Protein backbone atom coordinates (compact mmCIF):
# COMPACT_ATOMS: atom_id res chain seq x y z
CA MET A 1 -167.33 72.97 -22.84
CA LYS A 2 -164.53 75.34 -23.87
CA ILE A 3 -165.25 77.53 -27.13
CA SER A 4 -162.58 75.80 -28.60
CA GLU A 5 -163.94 72.61 -28.04
CA LEU A 6 -167.37 73.54 -29.94
CA ILE A 7 -165.66 74.91 -32.68
CA GLU A 8 -163.84 71.62 -32.94
CA LYS A 9 -166.99 69.66 -32.60
CA LEU A 10 -169.10 72.12 -35.20
CA SER A 11 -165.92 72.22 -37.77
CA ALA A 12 -166.15 68.29 -37.69
CA ILE A 13 -170.38 68.26 -38.53
CA ILE A 14 -169.63 70.36 -41.21
CA GLY A 15 -166.63 68.95 -42.59
CA GLN A 16 -164.73 72.05 -42.77
CA PRO A 17 -162.38 74.47 -40.41
CA LEU A 18 -164.49 77.36 -39.26
CA GLN A 19 -163.23 80.86 -39.25
CA SER A 20 -163.50 82.54 -35.49
CA ALA A 21 -161.89 84.97 -33.39
CA VAL A 22 -161.26 83.75 -29.36
CA SER A 23 -159.55 86.30 -27.43
CA GLU A 24 -160.29 84.00 -24.46
CA ASP A 25 -161.20 80.58 -24.63
CA ALA A 26 -163.94 80.48 -22.07
CA GLU A 27 -165.96 77.58 -20.75
CA LEU A 28 -169.65 77.53 -22.41
CA THR A 29 -172.51 76.29 -20.17
CA GLY A 30 -175.06 76.02 -23.16
CA VAL A 31 -177.15 78.36 -25.45
CA ALA A 32 -179.77 80.67 -25.53
CA ALA A 33 -181.24 83.34 -27.48
CA VAL A 34 -179.43 86.77 -28.24
CA ASP A 35 -181.38 88.78 -25.94
CA ASP A 36 -181.68 86.52 -23.35
CA ALA A 37 -178.29 85.13 -23.29
CA ILE A 38 -175.95 85.34 -20.01
CA THR A 39 -172.10 84.97 -19.66
CA GLY A 40 -170.91 81.58 -20.63
CA GLN A 41 -173.82 80.79 -22.91
CA ILE A 42 -173.44 81.09 -26.87
CA SER A 43 -175.76 82.72 -29.50
CA TYR A 44 -176.36 83.62 -33.21
CA ILE A 45 -176.83 86.90 -35.38
CA GLU A 46 -178.58 85.89 -38.90
CA GLY A 47 -177.96 89.02 -40.57
CA ALA A 48 -176.95 92.73 -40.32
CA LYS A 49 -180.60 93.88 -39.46
CA PHE A 50 -179.67 92.44 -35.97
CA ALA A 51 -176.49 94.20 -35.51
CA ALA A 52 -178.12 96.55 -32.74
CA GLN A 53 -178.43 93.16 -30.60
CA ILE A 54 -174.59 92.89 -30.63
CA LYS A 55 -174.28 95.78 -28.63
CA THR A 56 -176.51 94.74 -26.10
CA THR A 57 -176.15 90.88 -25.68
CA ALA A 58 -174.02 89.38 -22.94
CA ALA A 59 -173.40 86.30 -24.57
CA SER A 60 -169.78 85.11 -24.58
CA ALA A 61 -169.74 83.82 -28.12
CA LEU A 62 -171.84 84.21 -31.02
CA ILE A 63 -172.34 82.27 -34.49
CA LEU A 64 -172.25 85.00 -36.83
CA PRO A 65 -172.20 85.41 -41.12
CA LYS A 66 -169.70 86.17 -43.14
CA ASP A 67 -169.97 90.19 -42.60
CA ALA A 68 -166.60 91.87 -41.45
CA ALA A 69 -169.12 94.58 -39.70
CA LEU A 70 -170.84 92.55 -37.41
CA GLN A 71 -167.55 90.24 -36.70
CA ALA A 72 -165.64 93.52 -36.14
CA ALA A 73 -168.61 94.81 -33.98
CA ALA A 74 -168.49 91.40 -31.51
CA SER A 75 -164.58 91.49 -31.47
CA ASP A 76 -165.22 95.42 -30.14
CA ARG A 77 -166.91 94.27 -27.11
CA ASN A 78 -164.66 91.07 -27.01
CA ILE A 79 -167.25 88.50 -27.55
CA ALA A 80 -165.75 85.32 -29.28
CA TRP A 81 -167.80 84.68 -32.31
CA ILE A 82 -167.84 81.90 -35.00
CA GLU A 83 -168.23 82.36 -38.87
CA ALA A 84 -171.15 80.29 -40.33
CA PRO A 85 -172.46 80.33 -44.11
CA GLU A 86 -175.81 79.53 -42.07
CA PRO A 87 -175.76 80.65 -38.92
CA ARG A 88 -179.57 80.05 -38.02
CA LEU A 89 -178.44 76.14 -38.77
CA MET A 90 -175.07 75.95 -37.08
CA PHE A 91 -176.88 77.43 -33.83
CA ALA A 92 -179.00 74.39 -33.95
CA GLN A 93 -176.24 72.35 -34.34
CA ALA A 94 -174.91 73.91 -31.25
CA ILE A 95 -178.14 73.13 -29.41
CA ALA A 96 -177.70 69.54 -30.30
CA LEU A 97 -173.94 69.45 -28.46
CA PHE A 98 -175.19 70.79 -25.37
CA TYR A 99 -179.09 69.31 -25.13
CA GLN A 100 -180.06 65.58 -26.51
CA PRO A 101 -184.14 64.70 -25.41
CA PHE A 102 -184.55 62.03 -22.83
CA ARG A 103 -184.43 58.73 -24.27
CA LEU A 104 -184.86 55.25 -22.23
CA ALA A 105 -182.19 53.26 -21.90
CA PRO A 106 -181.77 49.65 -24.11
CA SER A 107 -184.41 47.62 -22.04
CA ILE A 108 -187.78 45.90 -21.89
CA HIS A 109 -189.87 46.86 -18.67
CA PRO A 110 -191.28 43.82 -17.61
CA SER A 111 -195.34 45.24 -17.83
CA ALA A 112 -194.71 45.52 -21.43
CA VAL A 113 -196.87 42.95 -23.48
CA ILE A 114 -194.56 41.42 -26.12
CA ASP A 115 -196.40 38.90 -28.62
CA PRO A 116 -193.97 36.09 -29.21
CA SER A 117 -193.62 36.72 -33.25
CA VAL A 118 -192.48 39.76 -32.63
CA GLN A 119 -188.89 40.20 -33.87
CA LEU A 120 -187.20 42.77 -31.90
CA GLY A 121 -183.57 44.45 -33.30
CA ALA A 122 -180.49 45.12 -31.19
CA ASP A 123 -180.65 47.68 -28.27
CA VAL A 124 -184.09 48.58 -28.33
CA ALA A 125 -185.88 49.92 -25.51
CA ILE A 126 -189.45 49.68 -24.27
CA GLY A 127 -190.75 51.14 -21.53
CA ALA A 128 -193.94 50.44 -18.92
CA HIS A 129 -197.58 48.97 -20.63
CA VAL A 130 -196.18 49.02 -24.37
CA VAL A 131 -198.24 46.65 -26.01
CA LEU A 132 -196.60 44.93 -29.57
CA GLN A 133 -198.76 42.85 -31.53
CA ALA A 134 -198.46 39.37 -33.74
CA GLY A 135 -196.03 40.04 -36.28
CA VAL A 136 -194.37 43.46 -35.46
CA ARG A 137 -191.19 43.85 -36.38
CA VAL A 138 -188.48 46.85 -34.62
CA GLY A 139 -185.26 47.38 -36.05
CA ASP A 140 -181.98 48.38 -34.09
CA ARG A 141 -181.71 50.75 -31.30
CA VAL A 142 -185.79 51.64 -31.77
CA CYS A 143 -187.14 53.56 -28.48
CA ILE A 144 -190.63 52.98 -27.28
CA HIS A 145 -191.93 55.08 -24.58
CA PRO A 146 -194.41 54.28 -22.22
CA ASN A 147 -198.44 53.15 -22.94
CA VAL A 148 -197.71 52.89 -27.03
CA VAL A 149 -199.58 50.16 -28.94
CA VAL A 150 -198.48 48.77 -32.11
CA TYR A 151 -201.41 46.70 -33.70
CA PRO A 152 -200.49 43.78 -36.19
CA GLU A 153 -197.74 43.71 -39.03
CA SER A 154 -196.70 47.03 -38.50
CA GLN A 155 -193.11 47.45 -38.79
CA LEU A 156 -190.68 49.77 -37.04
CA GLY A 157 -186.97 51.28 -38.57
CA ASP A 158 -183.52 51.58 -36.95
CA ARG A 159 -183.36 54.38 -34.30
CA THR A 160 -186.79 55.42 -34.68
CA VAL A 161 -188.70 57.27 -31.79
CA LEU A 162 -192.49 56.47 -30.48
CA HIS A 163 -193.34 58.81 -27.86
CA ALA A 164 -195.79 57.80 -24.89
CA ASN A 165 -199.56 57.23 -25.89
CA SER A 166 -198.96 57.15 -29.42
CA VAL A 167 -200.47 54.31 -31.53
CA ILE A 168 -199.32 52.62 -34.79
CA HIS A 169 -202.52 50.60 -36.11
CA GLU A 170 -202.33 47.48 -38.28
CA ARG A 171 -199.60 46.92 -41.44
CA THR A 172 -198.03 50.67 -40.52
CA GLN A 173 -194.89 51.27 -42.24
CA ILE A 174 -192.74 53.34 -40.41
CA GLY A 175 -189.11 54.22 -41.47
CA ALA A 176 -185.57 54.80 -40.09
CA ASP A 177 -185.14 57.95 -37.63
CA CYS A 178 -188.81 58.74 -37.68
CA VAL A 179 -190.31 60.40 -34.78
CA ILE A 180 -193.95 59.62 -33.18
CA HIS A 181 -194.79 62.23 -30.92
CA ALA A 182 -197.11 61.68 -28.20
CA GLY A 183 -200.64 61.07 -28.81
CA ALA A 184 -200.29 60.70 -32.60
CA VAL A 185 -202.13 58.29 -34.50
CA ILE A 186 -200.36 56.55 -37.87
CA GLY A 187 -202.53 53.90 -39.51
CA SER A 188 -206.44 54.75 -38.07
CA GLU A 189 -209.22 54.42 -40.47
CA GLY A 190 -210.23 56.83 -43.06
CA PHE A 191 -213.24 58.24 -43.14
CA GLY A 192 -215.29 56.02 -45.36
CA PHE A 193 -218.54 55.78 -45.73
CA VAL A 194 -220.81 54.96 -48.52
CA PRO A 195 -224.29 57.38 -48.61
CA THR A 196 -227.34 54.70 -49.06
CA ARG A 197 -231.28 55.81 -48.22
CA ASP A 198 -230.94 53.85 -44.77
CA GLY A 199 -227.84 56.08 -43.62
CA TRP A 200 -224.22 55.42 -44.23
CA TYR A 201 -222.29 52.21 -45.37
CA LYS A 202 -219.14 51.75 -43.70
CA MET A 203 -216.25 51.36 -46.29
CA GLU A 204 -213.84 48.83 -44.47
CA GLN A 205 -210.10 50.95 -44.71
CA SER A 206 -208.13 47.96 -45.91
CA GLY A 207 -204.85 49.91 -46.99
CA TYR A 208 -202.16 51.21 -45.07
CA VAL A 209 -199.68 53.89 -44.13
CA VAL A 210 -195.65 54.18 -45.27
CA LEU A 211 -194.08 56.94 -43.18
CA GLU A 212 -190.63 57.16 -45.17
CA ASP A 213 -187.20 57.89 -43.61
CA GLY A 214 -187.11 60.91 -41.38
CA VAL A 215 -190.18 61.54 -40.98
CA GLU A 216 -191.83 63.46 -37.52
CA VAL A 217 -195.51 63.60 -36.76
CA GLY A 218 -196.35 66.08 -33.69
CA CYS A 219 -198.50 65.30 -31.13
CA ASN A 220 -202.15 64.68 -31.21
CA SER A 221 -201.63 64.16 -35.00
CA THR A 222 -203.58 61.81 -37.29
CA VAL A 223 -202.70 59.76 -40.25
CA ASP A 224 -205.46 57.78 -42.10
CA ARG A 225 -204.40 54.68 -43.97
CA PRO A 226 -207.05 54.36 -47.53
CA ALA A 227 -210.21 51.94 -48.09
CA VAL A 228 -207.14 50.56 -50.58
CA GLY A 229 -204.13 51.03 -51.07
CA GLU A 230 -201.97 53.39 -49.32
CA THR A 231 -201.30 56.99 -47.68
CA ARG A 232 -197.80 57.78 -48.06
CA ILE A 233 -195.64 60.58 -45.71
CA GLY A 234 -192.19 61.56 -48.02
CA ARG A 235 -188.72 61.28 -46.52
CA SER A 236 -187.73 63.97 -43.91
CA THR A 237 -191.32 65.64 -44.19
CA LYS A 238 -192.11 67.38 -40.89
CA LEU A 239 -195.53 67.23 -39.11
CA ASP A 240 -196.61 69.64 -36.58
CA ASN A 241 -198.68 68.92 -34.13
CA LEU A 242 -202.58 68.65 -34.76
CA VAL A 243 -202.32 67.73 -38.01
CA HIS A 244 -204.80 65.36 -39.96
CA ILE A 245 -203.62 63.64 -42.94
CA GLY A 246 -206.92 61.94 -44.70
CA HIS A 247 -206.61 58.55 -46.30
CA GLY A 248 -204.98 58.22 -49.67
CA CYS A 249 -202.86 61.45 -49.25
CA GLN A 250 -199.56 61.28 -51.11
CA ILE A 251 -197.03 63.87 -49.18
CA GLY A 252 -193.36 64.20 -50.97
CA GLN A 253 -190.00 64.79 -49.64
CA ALA A 254 -188.79 67.45 -46.82
CA CYS A 255 -192.54 69.19 -46.92
CA ALA A 256 -192.97 71.14 -43.63
CA ILE A 257 -196.64 70.64 -42.44
CA ALA A 258 -197.56 73.47 -39.44
CA ALA A 259 -200.18 72.97 -36.78
CA GLN A 260 -203.96 72.38 -37.38
CA VAL A 261 -203.59 71.65 -41.52
CA GLY A 262 -206.43 69.07 -42.58
CA LEU A 263 -206.13 67.05 -45.58
CA ALA A 264 -209.09 65.73 -47.16
CA GLY A 265 -208.62 62.05 -48.91
CA GLY A 266 -206.41 62.01 -51.84
CA VAL A 267 -204.71 65.36 -51.89
CA GLU A 268 -201.51 65.08 -53.53
CA VAL A 269 -198.52 67.33 -52.11
CA GLY A 270 -195.59 67.82 -54.02
CA ASP A 271 -191.52 67.85 -52.50
CA ARG A 272 -190.61 70.62 -50.34
CA ALA A 273 -194.07 72.62 -49.97
CA ILE A 274 -194.46 74.56 -47.27
CA LEU A 275 -198.41 74.42 -45.46
CA ALA A 276 -198.58 77.39 -43.06
CA GLY A 277 -201.21 76.78 -39.79
CA GLN A 278 -204.54 75.77 -40.43
CA VAL A 279 -204.40 75.50 -44.43
CA GLY A 280 -207.22 73.03 -45.05
CA ALA A 281 -207.17 71.42 -48.60
CA ALA A 282 -210.22 69.57 -50.63
CA ASN A 283 -210.58 66.13 -51.66
CA ASN A 284 -207.92 65.31 -53.97
CA ALA A 285 -206.42 68.69 -54.63
CA LYS A 286 -203.03 68.79 -56.01
CA ILE A 287 -200.29 71.39 -54.11
CA GLY A 288 -197.12 71.36 -56.40
CA ALA A 289 -193.43 70.80 -55.50
CA GLY A 290 -192.18 74.14 -53.23
CA ALA A 291 -195.39 75.70 -52.96
CA ILE A 292 -196.59 77.53 -50.30
CA ALA A 293 -200.11 77.89 -49.00
CA THR A 294 -199.96 80.82 -46.31
CA SER A 295 -202.00 80.47 -42.78
CA LYS A 296 -205.92 79.42 -43.01
CA THR A 297 -205.24 79.17 -46.65
CA GLY A 298 -208.49 76.94 -48.29
CA VAL A 299 -207.33 74.71 -51.12
CA HIS A 300 -209.79 73.18 -53.63
CA GLY A 301 -208.27 72.97 -57.05
CA THR A 302 -204.45 72.36 -58.05
CA VAL A 303 -201.70 74.90 -56.46
CA ASP A 304 -198.74 75.39 -59.22
CA ALA A 305 -195.20 74.18 -58.51
CA GLY A 306 -193.38 77.33 -56.88
CA GLN A 307 -196.40 79.13 -56.46
CA VAL A 308 -197.67 81.30 -52.87
CA VAL A 309 -201.23 81.44 -52.54
CA SER A 310 -203.59 82.43 -49.27
CA GLY A 311 -206.86 83.15 -48.88
CA TYR A 312 -210.12 81.17 -49.11
CA PRO A 313 -210.76 80.49 -51.86
CA ALA A 314 -206.68 80.46 -52.72
CA VAL A 315 -205.40 83.16 -54.96
CA ASP A 316 -202.01 84.23 -55.93
CA HIS A 317 -200.84 85.46 -52.79
CA LYS A 318 -200.01 89.11 -54.73
CA ILE A 319 -203.73 89.34 -55.73
CA TYR A 320 -204.45 88.19 -52.09
CA LEU A 321 -202.54 91.24 -50.82
CA LYS A 322 -204.24 93.63 -52.99
CA SER A 323 -207.52 92.13 -52.06
CA SER A 324 -206.79 92.42 -48.36
CA ALA A 325 -206.09 96.49 -48.96
CA ILE A 326 -209.07 97.03 -50.45
CA TYR A 327 -211.50 95.16 -47.87
CA SER A 328 -210.78 97.77 -45.17
CA ARG A 329 -211.77 99.97 -47.84
CA LEU A 330 -215.70 98.24 -48.41
CA PRO A 331 -217.61 100.25 -46.37
CA GLU A 332 -216.67 103.56 -47.86
CA MET A 333 -216.64 102.15 -51.36
CA TYR A 334 -220.11 101.14 -50.30
CA GLN A 335 -221.03 104.81 -49.84
CA THR A 336 -219.80 105.84 -52.81
CA LEU A 337 -221.58 103.24 -54.64
CA LYS A 338 -225.09 104.17 -53.41
CA ARG A 339 -224.69 108.08 -54.45
CA LEU A 340 -223.88 106.90 -58.21
CA GLN A 341 -226.56 104.82 -57.70
CA ARG A 342 -229.06 107.62 -56.81
CA ARG A 343 -227.64 109.98 -58.97
CA LEU A 344 -228.32 107.34 -62.03
CA GLU A 345 -231.87 106.94 -60.44
CA GLY A 346 -232.20 110.82 -60.76
CA GLY A 347 -232.83 111.01 -56.87
CA ASP A 348 -229.55 112.78 -56.19
CA ARG A 349 -229.30 115.76 -58.87
CA PRO A 350 -227.23 118.53 -58.45
CA LYS A 351 -228.86 121.76 -57.69
CA SER A 352 -228.85 124.29 -60.46
């Protein structure tokens, strides 16, 4: 599309006119990272610390912050620019104008197995070898890719997408505009066993899982149902690949949970919390709203709202940084300790 067309469409998305400078209304063919962009592509600069990239990029257009120096630098190189309050967000919006992920056309593949009791909304797309069991309800414009299995009495909200080979267990409730990526399993049995003299007695997991609107679950992630009650993932929360959410967890709204995070049963996570890669949380741990746990943090108790924690076991991030700085000096400190110990024991007295 022409640069002017892109500006018009982005203005419509944000609901107000955009400031821009376009000397030539060139045609744009796509988007790219600023260092990789070629003529005909648009990229973005997030702030002044990346100013040097304007001098080297081959992009035909840039999305820039409200920064006169950056905008002047782009104009000097005859690069069209668009001003954005959040350049990275607008770049994401631009990507969506050039690219949409593959989606099945509305239709039902003849190899799909659909129980007569299933309720299908309008314009649904159901791929090859999909199985929809008794009592399933499917909303309007839902897209179900091949080999998906949906167990009885589950619900899929409008416009939700289930990618290939995902499995939705019984009575799971998935809201509107959710995305379940390939291989994910939602509503599987929680890890519930009672110890006895003869081994482990299986506690049946009679609860269910609720995913509120706008939740995304990454490839090969699992969300378990509890013995009683529900496991709930709040509105707009995003789970990366290979995440495990244990039985009875309560995850708030707009959380971000990165790859290989594992939450044991009954963990509570407040709204807008961020759990970085490989974070682990023990049974019934509580992570407050807006808290951040950095990579590989182990949470065993309570993390206060807004707190940033690191390490195993989790401590305040500032304490963790100080401890990390000391860690590299431990061999030197150990030798000093041994010398002091010998002096105290009289084995290393100074010569007279």
